[in-house]
């Protein structure tokens, strides 16, 4: 990810990858399966809680469950 982008910006259009923090590698595999995203790699972080970044191909976002509830 380019160093001039803020950390909260989790999509890198140059590489066409997205990052989502997780506590361990298995959580990355769970996200891949649950949301159908393609896991490219897992990167260690310096965070004590979210110890890895799950790197997925493309611009990935979690579903907005609040919007789904409002439509019901």
PDB file of N, CA and C in Angstrom:
ATOM      1  N   UNK A   1       0.853  -1.175   0.000  1.00  0.00           N
ATOM      2  CA  UNK A   1       0.000   0.000   0.000  1.00  0.00           C
ATOM      3  C   UNK A   1       0.895   1.233   0.000  1.00  0.00           C
ATOM      4  N   UNK A   2       0.617   2.201  -0.836  1.00  0.00           N
ATOM      5  CA  UNK A   2       1.440   3.407  -0.844  1.00  0.00           C
ATOM      6  C   UNK A   2       1.501   4.050   0.532  1.00  0.00           C
ATOM      7  N   UNK A   3       2.666   4.507   0.926  1.00  0.00           N
ATOM      8  CA  UNK A   3       2.854   5.043   2.274  1.00  0.00           C
ATOM      9  C   UNK A   3       2.153   6.381   2.502  1.00  0.00           C
ATOM     10  N   UNK A   4       1.771   7.088   1.432  1.00  0.00           N
ATOM     11  CA  UNK A   4       1.124   8.381   1.615  1.00  0.00           C
ATOM     12  C   UNK A   4      -0.380   8.262   1.871  1.00  0.00           C
ATOM     13  N   UNK A   5      -0.938   7.052   1.850  1.00  0.00           N
ATOM     14  CA  UNK A   5      -2.363   6.872   2.123  1.00  0.00           C
ATOM     15  C   UNK A   5      -2.587   6.688   3.614  1.00  0.00           C
ATOM     16  N   UNK A   6      -3.681   7.246   4.147  1.00  0.00           N
ATOM     17  CA  UNK A   6      -3.970   7.032   5.569  1.00  0.00           C
ATOM     18  C   UNK A   6      -4.261   5.560   5.844  1.00  0.00           C
ATOM     19  N   UNK A   7      -3.936   5.109   7.054  1.00  0.00           N
ATOM     20  CA  UNK A   7      -4.115   3.705   7.422  1.00  0.00           C
ATOM     21  C   UNK A   7      -5.570   3.257   7.301  1.00  0.00           C
ATOM     22  N   UNK A   8      -6.524   4.168   7.573  1.00  0.00           N
ATOM     23  CA  UNK A   8      -7.928   3.771   7.515  1.00  0.00           C
ATOM     24  C   UNK A   8      -8.393   3.493   6.094  1.00  0.00           C
ATOM     25  N   UNK A   9      -7.665   3.993   5.101  1.00  0.00           N
ATOM     26  CA  UNK A   9      -8.041   3.735   3.718  1.00  0.00           C
ATOM     27  C   UNK A   9      -7.529   2.352   3.352  1.00  0.00           C
ATOM     28  N   UNK A  10      -8.393   1.400   3.318  1.00  0.00           N
ATOM     29  CA  UNK A  10      -8.002   0.006   3.235  1.00  0.00           C
ATOM     30  C   UNK A  10      -8.014  -0.555   1.815  1.00  0.00           C
ATOM     31  N   UNK A  11      -8.420   0.229   0.818  1.00  0.00           N
ATOM     32  CA  UNK A  11      -8.394  -0.234  -0.565  1.00  0.00           C
ATOM     33  C   UNK A  11      -7.270   0.472  -1.302  1.00  0.00           C
ATOM     34  N   UNK A  12      -6.450  -0.310  -1.991  1.00  0.00           N
ATOM     35  CA  UNK A  12      -5.348   0.234  -2.778  1.00  0.00           C
ATOM     36  C   UNK A  12      -5.672   0.038  -4.259  1.00  0.00           C
ATOM     37  N   UNK A  13      -6.107   1.108  -4.943  1.00  0.00           N
ATOM     38  CA  UNK A  13      -6.497   0.970  -6.346  1.00  0.00           C
ATOM     39  C   UNK A  13      -5.324   0.631  -7.269  1.00  0.00           C
ATOM     40  N   UNK A  14      -4.114   1.003  -6.873  1.00  0.00           N
ATOM     41  CA  UNK A  14      -2.952   0.695  -7.712  1.00  0.00           C
ATOM     42  C   UNK A  14      -2.709  -0.809  -7.792  1.00  0.00           C
ATOM     43  N   UNK A  15      -2.861  -1.498  -6.664  1.00  0.00           N
ATOM     44  CA  UNK A  15      -2.671  -2.949  -6.631  1.00  0.00           C
ATOM     45  C   UNK A  15      -3.993  -3.703  -6.763  1.00  0.00           C
ATOM     46  N   UNK A  16      -5.118  -2.994  -6.661  1.00  0.00           N
ATOM     47  CA  UNK A  16      -6.447  -3.586  -6.660  1.00  0.00           C
ATOM     48  C   UNK A  16      -6.576  -4.637  -5.564  1.00  0.00           C
ATOM     49  N   UNK A  17      -6.238  -4.208  -4.335  1.00  0.00           N
ATOM     50  CA  UNK A  17      -6.358  -5.075  -3.169  1.00  0.00           C
ATOM     51  C   UNK A  17      -7.000  -4.306  -2.016  1.00  0.00           C
ATOM     52  N   UNK A  18      -7.635  -5.051  -1.116  1.00  0.00           N
ATOM     53  CA  UNK A  18      -8.228  -4.490   0.091  1.00  0.00           C
ATOM     54  C   UNK A  18      -7.650  -5.198   1.296  1.00  0.00           C
ATOM     55  N   UNK A  19      -7.586  -4.489   2.412  1.00  0.00           N
ATOM     56  CA  UNK A  19      -7.106  -5.066   3.666  1.00  0.00           C
ATOM     57  C   UNK A  19      -8.195  -4.987   4.734  1.00  0.00           C
ATOM     58  N   UNK A  20      -8.285  -6.068   5.496  1.00  0.00           N
ATOM     59  CA  UNK A  20      -9.189  -6.113   6.642  1.00  0.00           C
ATOM     60  C   UNK A  20      -8.407  -6.706   7.802  1.00  0.00           C
ATOM     61  N   UNK A  21      -8.411  -6.023   8.941  1.00  0.00           N
ATOM     62  CA  UNK A  21      -7.692  -6.495  10.116  1.00  0.00           C
ATOM     63  C   UNK A  21      -8.371  -7.697  10.750  1.00  0.00           C
ATOM     64  N   UNK A  22      -7.555  -8.577  11.329  1.00  0.00           N
ATOM     65  CA  UNK A  22      -8.082  -9.761  12.009  1.00  0.00           C
ATOM     66  C   UNK A  22      -7.132 -10.173  13.124  1.00  0.00           C
ATOM     67  N   UNK A  23      -7.630 -11.011  14.014  1.00  0.00           N
ATOM     68  CA  UNK A  23      -6.817 -11.461  15.139  1.00  0.00           C
ATOM     69  C   UNK A  23      -5.846 -12.574  14.760  1.00  0.00           C
ATOM     70  N   UNK A  24      -6.176 -13.342  13.709  1.00  0.00           N
ATOM     71  CA  UNK A  24      -5.281 -14.421  13.279  1.00  0.00           C
ATOM     72  C   UNK A  24      -5.595 -14.846  11.847  1.00  0.00           C
ATOM     73  N   UNK A  25      -4.720 -15.675  11.296  1.00  0.00           N
ATOM     74  CA  UNK A  25      -4.836 -16.135   9.905  1.00  0.00           C
ATOM     75  C   UNK A  25      -6.166 -16.851   9.644  1.00  0.00           C
ATOM     76  N   UNK A  26      -6.613 -17.640  10.602  1.00  0.00           N
ATOM     77  CA  UNK A  26      -7.849 -18.403  10.411  1.00  0.00           C
ATOM     78  C   UNK A  26      -9.038 -17.480  10.156  1.00  0.00           C
ATOM     79  N   UNK A  27      -9.047 -16.323  10.797  1.00  0.00           N
ATOM     80  CA  UNK A  27     -10.140 -15.361  10.572  1.00  0.00           C
ATOM     81  C   UNK A  27     -10.130 -14.877   9.116  1.00  0.00           C
ATOM     82  N   UNK A  28      -8.940 -14.750   8.530  1.00  0.00           N
ATOM     83  CA  UNK A  28      -8.845 -14.368   7.111  1.00  0.00           C
ATOM     84  C   UNK A  28      -9.479 -15.445   6.230  1.00  0.00           C
ATOM     85  N   UNK A  29      -9.173 -16.689   6.543  1.00  0.00           N
ATOM     86  CA  UNK A  29      -9.745 -17.804   5.779  1.00  0.00           C
ATOM     87  C   UNK A  29     -11.262 -17.854   5.950  1.00  0.00           C
ATOM     88  N   UNK A  30     -11.729 -17.542   7.156  1.00  0.00           N
ATOM     89  CA  UNK A  30     -13.180 -17.506   7.406  1.00  0.00           C
ATOM     90  C   UNK A  30     -13.857 -16.423   6.575  1.00  0.00           C
ATOM     91  N   UNK A  31     -13.230 -15.220   6.510  1.00  0.00           N
ATOM     92  CA  UNK A  31     -13.786 -14.120   5.699  1.00  0.00           C
ATOM     93  C   UNK A  31     -13.835 -14.514   4.233  1.00  0.00           C
ATOM     94  N   UNK A  32     -12.764 -15.134   3.755  1.00  0.00           N
ATOM     95  CA  UNK A  32     -12.701 -15.552   2.350  1.00  0.00           C
ATOM     96  C   UNK A  32     -13.875 -16.469   2.020  1.00  0.00           C
ATOM     97  N   UNK A  33     -14.112 -17.436   2.886  1.00  0.00           N
ATOM     98  CA  UNK A  33     -15.188 -18.398   2.657  1.00  0.00           C
ATOM     99  C   UNK A  33     -16.563 -17.743   2.790  1.00  0.00           C
ATOM    100  N   UNK A  34     -16.753 -16.961   3.843  1.00  0.00           N
ATOM    101  CA  UNK A  34     -18.063 -16.372   4.123  1.00  0.00           C
ATOM    102  C   UNK A  34     -18.502 -15.375   3.052  1.00  0.00           C
ATOM    103  N   UNK A  35     -17.579 -14.514   2.609  1.00  0.00           N
ATOM    104  CA  UNK A  35     -17.947 -13.436   1.681  1.00  0.00           C
ATOM    105  C   UNK A  35     -17.573 -13.718   0.230  1.00  0.00           C
ATOM    106  N   UNK A  36     -16.870 -14.834  -0.025  1.00  0.00           N
ATOM    107  CA  UNK A  36     -16.506 -15.181  -1.395  1.00  0.00           C
ATOM    108  C   UNK A  36     -15.376 -14.329  -1.952  1.00  0.00           C
ATOM    109  N   UNK A  37     -14.591 -13.714  -1.054  1.00  0.00           N
ATOM    110  CA  UNK A  37     -13.464 -12.892  -1.485  1.00  0.00           C
ATOM    111  C   UNK A  37     -12.255 -13.778  -1.747  1.00  0.00           C
ATOM    112  N   UNK A  38     -11.346 -13.324  -2.600  1.00  0.00           N
ATOM    113  CA  UNK A  38     -10.120 -14.070  -2.889  1.00  0.00           C
ATOM    114  C   UNK A  38      -8.990 -13.560  -1.996  1.00  0.00           C
ATOM    115  N   UNK A  39      -8.547 -14.406  -1.072  1.00  0.00           N
ATOM    116  CA  UNK A  39      -7.455 -14.053  -0.172  1.00  0.00           C
ATOM    117  C   UNK A  39      -6.136 -14.150  -0.930  1.00  0.00           C
ATOM    118  N   UNK A  40      -5.400 -13.040  -0.966  1.00  0.00           N
ATOM    119  CA  UNK A  40      -4.124 -12.987  -1.682  1.00  0.00           C
ATOM    120  C   UNK A  40      -2.965 -13.340  -0.745  1.00  0.00           C
ATOM    121  N   UNK A  41      -3.002 -12.760   0.455  1.00  0.00           N
ATOM    122  CA  UNK A  41      -1.949 -13.028   1.440  1.00  0.00           C
ATOM    123  C   UNK A  41      -2.390 -12.521   2.810  1.00  0.00           C
ATOM    124  N   UNK A  42      -1.619 -12.909   3.822  1.00  0.00           N
ATOM    125  CA  UNK A  42      -1.847 -12.459   5.185  1.00  0.00           C
ATOM    126  C   UNK A  42      -0.568 -11.761   5.637  1.00  0.00           C
ATOM    127  N   UNK A  43      -0.700 -10.520   6.128  1.00  0.00           N
ATOM    128  CA  UNK A  43       0.456  -9.734   6.558  1.00  0.00           C
ATOM    129  C   UNK A  43       0.400  -9.503   8.060  1.00  0.00           C
ATOM    130  N   UNK A  44       1.515  -9.681   8.737  1.00  0.00           N
ATOM    131  CA  UNK A  44       1.591  -9.380  10.163  1.00  0.00           C
ATOM    132  C   UNK A  44       1.544  -7.871  10.363  1.00  0.00           C
ATOM    133  N   UNK A  45       0.935  -7.450  11.493  1.00  0.00           N
ATOM    134  CA  UNK A  45       0.901  -6.033  11.847  1.00  0.00           C
ATOM    135  C   UNK A  45       1.612  -5.851  13.180  1.00  0.00           C
ATOM    136  N   UNK A  46       1.715  -4.625  13.626  1.00  0.00           N
ATOM    137  CA  UNK A  46       2.285  -4.335  14.938  1.00  0.00           C
ATOM    138  C   UNK A  46       1.199  -4.107  15.986  1.00  0.00           C
ATOM    139  N   UNK A  47      -0.044  -4.397  15.630  1.00  0.00           N
ATOM    140  CA  UNK A  47      -1.175  -4.207  16.528  1.00  0.00           C
ATOM    141  C   UNK A  47      -1.278  -5.405  17.477  1.00  0.00           C
ATOM    142  N   UNK A  48      -1.541  -5.145  18.759  1.00  0.00           N
ATOM    143  CA  UNK A  48      -1.642  -6.225  19.741  1.00  0.00           C
ATOM    144  C   UNK A  48      -2.953  -6.994  19.661  1.00  0.00           C
ATOM    145  N   UNK A  49      -3.968  -6.417  19.050  1.00  0.00           N
ATOM    146  CA  UNK A  49      -5.263  -7.092  18.954  1.00  0.00           C
ATOM    147  C   UNK A  49      -5.495  -7.617  17.543  1.00  0.00           C
ATOM    148  N   UNK A  50      -5.482  -6.710  16.553  1.00  0.00           N
ATOM    149  CA  UNK A  50      -5.631  -7.133  15.152  1.00  0.00           C
ATOM    150  C   UNK A  50      -4.231  -7.441  14.625  1.00  0.00           C
ATOM    151  N   UNK A  51      -3.786  -8.648  14.856  1.00  0.00           N
ATOM    152  CA  UNK A  51      -2.392  -9.031  14.629  1.00  0.00           C
ATOM    153  C   UNK A  51      -2.031  -9.251  13.172  1.00  0.00           C
ATOM    154  N   UNK A  52      -3.047  -9.368  12.297  1.00  0.00           N
ATOM    155  CA  UNK A  52      -2.772  -9.565  10.877  1.00  0.00           C
ATOM    156  C   UNK A  52      -3.690  -8.691  10.036  1.00  0.00           C
ATOM    157  N   UNK A  53      -3.250  -8.407   8.825  1.00  0.00           N
ATOM    158  CA  UNK A  53      -4.093  -7.820   7.799  1.00  0.00           C
ATOM    159  C   UNK A  53      -4.369  -8.906   6.779  1.00  0.00           C
ATOM    160  N   UNK A  54      -5.639  -9.140   6.514  1.00  0.00           N
ATOM    161  CA  UNK A  54      -6.038 -10.068   5.465  1.00  0.00           C
ATOM    162  C   UNK A  54      -6.085  -9.254   4.179  1.00  0.00           C
ATOM    163  N   UNK A  55      -5.340  -9.665   3.184  1.00  0.00           N
ATOM    164  CA  UNK A  55      -5.262  -8.925   1.928  1.00  0.00           C
ATOM    165  C   UNK A  55      -6.069  -9.683   0.874  1.00  0.00           C
ATOM    166  N   UNK A  56      -7.109  -9.008   0.364  1.00  0.00           N
ATOM    167  CA  UNK A  56      -8.009  -9.619  -0.605  1.00  0.00           C
ATOM    168  C   UNK A  56      -7.909  -8.918  -1.956  1.00  0.00           C
ATOM    169  N   UNK A  57      -8.156  -9.672  -3.015  1.00  0.00           N
ATOM    170  CA  UNK A  57      -8.164  -9.110  -4.364  1.00  0.00           C
ATOM    171  C   UNK A  57      -9.410  -8.251  -4.524  1.00  0.00           C
ATOM    172  N   UNK A  58      -9.233  -7.064  -5.111  1.00  0.00           N
ATOM    173  CA  UNK A  58     -10.362  -6.191  -5.421  1.00  0.00           C
ATOM    174  C   UNK A  58     -10.763  -5.282  -4.276  1.00  0.00           C
ATOM    175  N   UNK A  59     -11.835  -4.545  -4.512  1.00  0.00           N
ATOM    176  CA  UNK A  59     -12.380  -3.598  -3.538  1.00  0.00           C
ATOM    177  C   UNK A  59     -13.467  -4.321  -2.752  1.00  0.00           C
ATOM    178  N   UNK A  60     -13.124  -4.782  -1.558  1.00  0.00           N
ATOM    179  CA  UNK A  60     -14.052  -5.579  -0.757  1.00  0.00           C
ATOM    180  C   UNK A  60     -14.600  -4.760   0.396  1.00  0.00           C
ATOM    181  N   UNK A  61     -15.880  -4.942   0.678  1.00  0.00           N
ATOM    182  CA  UNK A  61     -16.523  -4.265   1.797  1.00  0.00           C
ATOM    183  C   UNK A  61     -17.447  -5.250   2.479  1.00  0.00           C
ATOM    184  N   UNK A  62     -17.557  -5.121   3.794  1.00  0.00           N
ATOM    185  CA  UNK A  62     -18.503  -5.945   4.523  1.00  0.00           C
ATOM    186  C   UNK A  62     -19.913  -5.493   4.196  1.00  0.00           C
ATOM    187  N   UNK A  63     -20.869  -6.425   4.168  1.00  0.00           N
ATOM    188  CA  UNK A  63     -22.262  -6.032   3.937  1.00  0.00           C
ATOM    189  C   UNK A  63     -22.737  -5.087   5.040  1.00  0.00           C
ATOM    190  N   UNK A  64     -23.605  -4.166   4.689  1.00  0.00           N
ATOM    191  CA  UNK A  64     -24.174  -3.248   5.668  1.00  0.00           C
ATOM    192  C   UNK A  64     -25.481  -3.848   6.187  1.00  0.00           C
ATOM    193  N   UNK A  65     -25.359  -4.575   7.299  1.00  0.00           N
ATOM    194  CA  UNK A  65     -26.520  -5.258   7.848  1.00  0.00           C
ATOM    195  C   UNK A  65     -27.583  -4.291   8.363  1.00  0.00           C
ATOM    196  N   UNK A  66     -27.197  -3.081   8.726  1.00  0.00           N
ATOM    197  CA  UNK A  66     -28.175  -2.101   9.190  1.00  0.00           C
ATOM    198  C   UNK A  66     -29.113  -1.703   8.054  1.00  0.00           C
ATOM    199  N   UNK A  67     -28.582  -1.523   6.852  1.00  0.00           N
ATOM    200  CA  UNK A  67     -29.413  -1.171   5.710  1.00  0.00           C
ATOM    201  C   UNK A  67     -30.388  -2.304   5.401  1.00  0.00           C
ATOM    202  N   UNK A  68     -29.920  -3.560   5.494  1.00  0.00           N
ATOM    203  CA  UNK A  68     -30.791  -4.696   5.220  1.00  0.00           C
ATOM    204  C   UNK A  68     -31.938  -4.746   6.216  1.00  0.00           C
ATOM    205  N   UNK A  69     -31.668  -4.456   7.502  1.00  0.00           N
ATOM    206  CA  UNK A  69     -32.707  -4.472   8.529  1.00  0.00           C
ATOM    207  C   UNK A  69     -33.752  -3.386   8.276  1.00  0.00           C
ATOM    208  N   UNK A  70     -33.315  -2.208   7.825  1.00  0.00           N
ATOM    209  CA  UNK A  70     -34.238  -1.106   7.573  1.00  0.00           C
ATOM    210  C   UNK A  70     -35.184  -1.409   6.425  1.00  0.00           C
ATOM    211  N   UNK A  71     -34.739  -2.216   5.454  1.00  0.00           N
ATOM    212  CA  UNK A  71     -35.558  -2.547   4.291  1.00  0.00           C
ATOM    213  C   UNK A  71     -36.652  -3.530   4.639  1.00  0.00           C
ATOM    214  N   UNK A  72     -36.480  -4.317   5.711  1.00  0.00           N
ATOM    215  CA  UNK A  72     -37.479  -5.333   6.103  1.00  0.00           C
ATOM    216  C   UNK A  72     -38.781  -4.721   6.548  1.00  0.00           C
TER     217      UNK A  72
END
